[in-house]
Amino acid sequence: SGLDSFTAEYIVRSLVSLSRSDRTVITTIHSPRTDIFNLFDRVLLLSQGEAVYFGPAKEMVTYFARLNFHCPKYTN
């Protein structure tokens, strides 16, 4: 909580490195920058304690667009 963007990216990159060495990494993050979000393989998105998406991070915007929830261009 309260990390500057450089430190947040460093920590996420360190977690990615751990996950690539046969480890499961579970973390939470609030409003990550796009480049940090793109480091994630899979995402579990909760709304009011309920799972509304679980799958590949790169497919999340397309998934919600199919449900008519569009992400405006140049936003995250």
C-alpha atoms as a PDB file:
ATOM      1  CA  SER A   1       0.000   0.000   0.000  1.00  0.00           C
ATOM      2  CA  GLY A   2       1.287   3.446  -0.848  1.00  0.00           C
ATOM      3  CA  LEU A   3       4.146   2.246  -3.054  1.00  0.00           C
ATOM      4  CA  ASP A   4       5.535   4.523  -5.713  1.00  0.00           C
ATOM      5  CA  SER A   5       5.201   3.217  -9.262  1.00  0.00           C
ATOM      6  CA  PHE A   6       8.868   2.203  -9.572  1.00  0.00           C
ATOM      7  CA  THR A   7       8.746   0.088  -6.405  1.00  0.00           C
ATOM      8  CA  ALA A   8       5.385  -1.456  -7.360  1.00  0.00           C
ATOM      9  CA  GLU A   9       6.775  -2.524 -10.745  1.00  0.00           C
ATOM     10  CA  TYR A  10       9.955  -3.902  -9.144  1.00  0.00           C
ATOM     11  CA  ILE A  11       7.922  -6.004  -6.703  1.00  0.00           C
ATOM     12  CA  VAL A  12       5.587  -7.342  -9.408  1.00  0.00           C
ATOM     13  CA  ARG A  13       8.553  -8.214 -11.644  1.00  0.00           C
ATOM     14  CA  SER A  14      10.132 -10.055  -8.681  1.00  0.00           C
ATOM     15  CA  LEU A  15       6.884 -11.993  -8.167  1.00  0.00           C
ATOM     16  CA  VAL A  16       6.783 -12.850 -11.881  1.00  0.00           C
ATOM     17  CA  SER A  17      10.331 -14.184 -11.583  1.00  0.00           C
ATOM     18  CA  LEU A  18       9.308 -16.362  -8.630  1.00  0.00           C
ATOM     19  CA  SER A  19       6.293 -17.676 -10.532  1.00  0.00           C
ATOM     20  CA  ARG A  20       8.514 -18.709 -13.443  1.00  0.00           C
ATOM     21  CA  SER A  21      10.487 -20.980 -11.114  1.00  0.00           C
ATOM     22  CA  ASP A  22       7.650 -23.426 -10.352  1.00  0.00           C
ATOM     23  CA  ARG A  23       5.977 -21.397  -7.624  1.00  0.00           C
ATOM     24  CA  THR A  24       2.401 -20.241  -7.298  1.00  0.00           C
ATOM     25  CA  VAL A  25       2.122 -16.546  -6.520  1.00  0.00           C
ATOM     26  CA  ILE A  26      -1.118 -14.974  -5.334  1.00  0.00           C
ATOM     27  CA  THR A  27      -1.274 -11.236  -4.816  1.00  0.00           C
ATOM     28  CA  THR A  28      -3.703  -8.346  -4.756  1.00  0.00           C
ATOM     29  CA  ILE A  29      -3.197  -5.028  -6.448  1.00  0.00           C
ATOM     30  CA  HIS A  30      -5.311  -1.902  -6.629  1.00  0.00           C
ATOM     31  CA  SER A  31      -5.406   0.158  -9.841  1.00  0.00           C
ATOM     32  CA  PRO A  32      -2.116  -0.941 -11.397  1.00  0.00           C
ATOM     33  CA  ARG A  33      -0.609   0.942 -14.317  1.00  0.00           C
ATOM     34  CA  THR A  34      -1.158  -0.752 -17.662  1.00  0.00           C
ATOM     35  CA  ASP A  35       2.453  -1.918 -17.971  1.00  0.00           C
ATOM     36  CA  ILE A  36       2.295  -3.509 -14.508  1.00  0.00           C
ATOM     37  CA  PHE A  37      -1.086  -5.132 -15.211  1.00  0.00           C
ATOM     38  CA  ASN A  38       0.337  -6.628 -18.423  1.00  0.00           C
ATOM     39  CA  LEU A  39       2.850  -8.604 -16.329  1.00  0.00           C
ATOM     40  CA  PHE A  40       0.049 -10.768 -14.896  1.00  0.00           C
ATOM     41  CA  ASP A  41      -0.790 -14.135 -16.462  1.00  0.00           C
ATOM     42  CA  ARG A  42      -4.224 -14.691 -14.931  1.00  0.00           C
ATOM     43  CA  VAL A  43      -6.613 -12.413 -13.086  1.00  0.00           C
ATOM     44  CA  LEU A  44      -9.382 -13.036 -10.590  1.00  0.00           C
ATOM     45  CA  LEU A  45     -11.594  -9.957 -10.489  1.00  0.00           C
ATOM     46  CA  LEU A  46     -13.999  -9.631  -7.576  1.00  0.00           C
ATOM     47  CA  SER A  47     -17.015  -7.364  -7.233  1.00  0.00           C
ATOM     48  CA  GLN A  48     -18.790  -7.233  -3.882  1.00  0.00           C
ATOM     49  CA  GLY A  49     -17.014 -10.444  -2.873  1.00  0.00           C
ATOM     50  CA  GLU A  50     -18.126 -12.372  -5.967  1.00  0.00           C
ATOM     51  CA  ALA A  51     -15.902 -13.520  -8.827  1.00  0.00           C
ATOM     52  CA  VAL A  52     -16.835 -11.686 -12.010  1.00  0.00           C
ATOM     53  CA  TYR A  53     -13.818 -12.784 -14.064  1.00  0.00           C
ATOM     54  CA  PHE A  54     -11.157 -15.432 -13.778  1.00  0.00           C
ATOM     55  CA  GLY A  55      -8.889 -16.058 -16.725  1.00  0.00           C
ATOM     56  CA  PRO A  56      -6.017 -14.755 -18.787  1.00  0.00           C
ATOM     57  CA  ALA A  57      -5.231 -11.107 -18.092  1.00  0.00           C
ATOM     58  CA  LYS A  58      -4.820 -10.410 -21.806  1.00  0.00           C
ATOM     59  CA  GLU A  59      -8.387 -11.587 -22.532  1.00  0.00           C
ATOM     60  CA  MET A  60     -10.171  -9.638 -19.801  1.00  0.00           C
ATOM     61  CA  VAL A  61     -11.032  -6.519 -21.844  1.00  0.00           C
ATOM     62  CA  THR A  62     -12.402  -8.666 -24.693  1.00  0.00           C
ATOM     63  CA  TYR A  63     -14.451 -10.727 -22.243  1.00  0.00           C
ATOM     64  CA  PHE A  64     -16.136  -7.652 -20.779  1.00  0.00           C
ATOM     65  CA  ALA A  65     -16.640  -6.104 -24.231  1.00  0.00           C
ATOM     66  CA  ARG A  66     -18.632  -9.213 -25.231  1.00  0.00           C
ATOM     67  CA  LEU A  67     -20.846  -8.511 -22.206  1.00  0.00           C
ATOM     68  CA  ASN A  68     -21.291  -4.922 -23.440  1.00  0.00           C
ATOM     69  CA  PHE A  69     -18.938  -3.428 -20.830  1.00  0.00           C
ATOM     70  CA  HIS A  70     -16.434  -1.585 -23.014  1.00  0.00           C
ATOM     71  CA  CYS A  71     -13.138  -0.163 -21.830  1.00  0.00           C
ATOM     72  CA  PRO A  72     -12.658   3.319 -23.270  1.00  0.00           C
ATOM     73  CA  LYS A  73      -9.568   3.771 -25.410  1.00  0.00           C
ATOM     74  CA  TYR A  74      -6.442   4.959 -23.550  1.00  0.00           C
ATOM     75  CA  THR A  75      -7.780   4.004 -20.114  1.00  0.00           C
ATOM     76  CA  ASN A  76      -7.091   1.152 -17.769  1.00  0.00           C
END
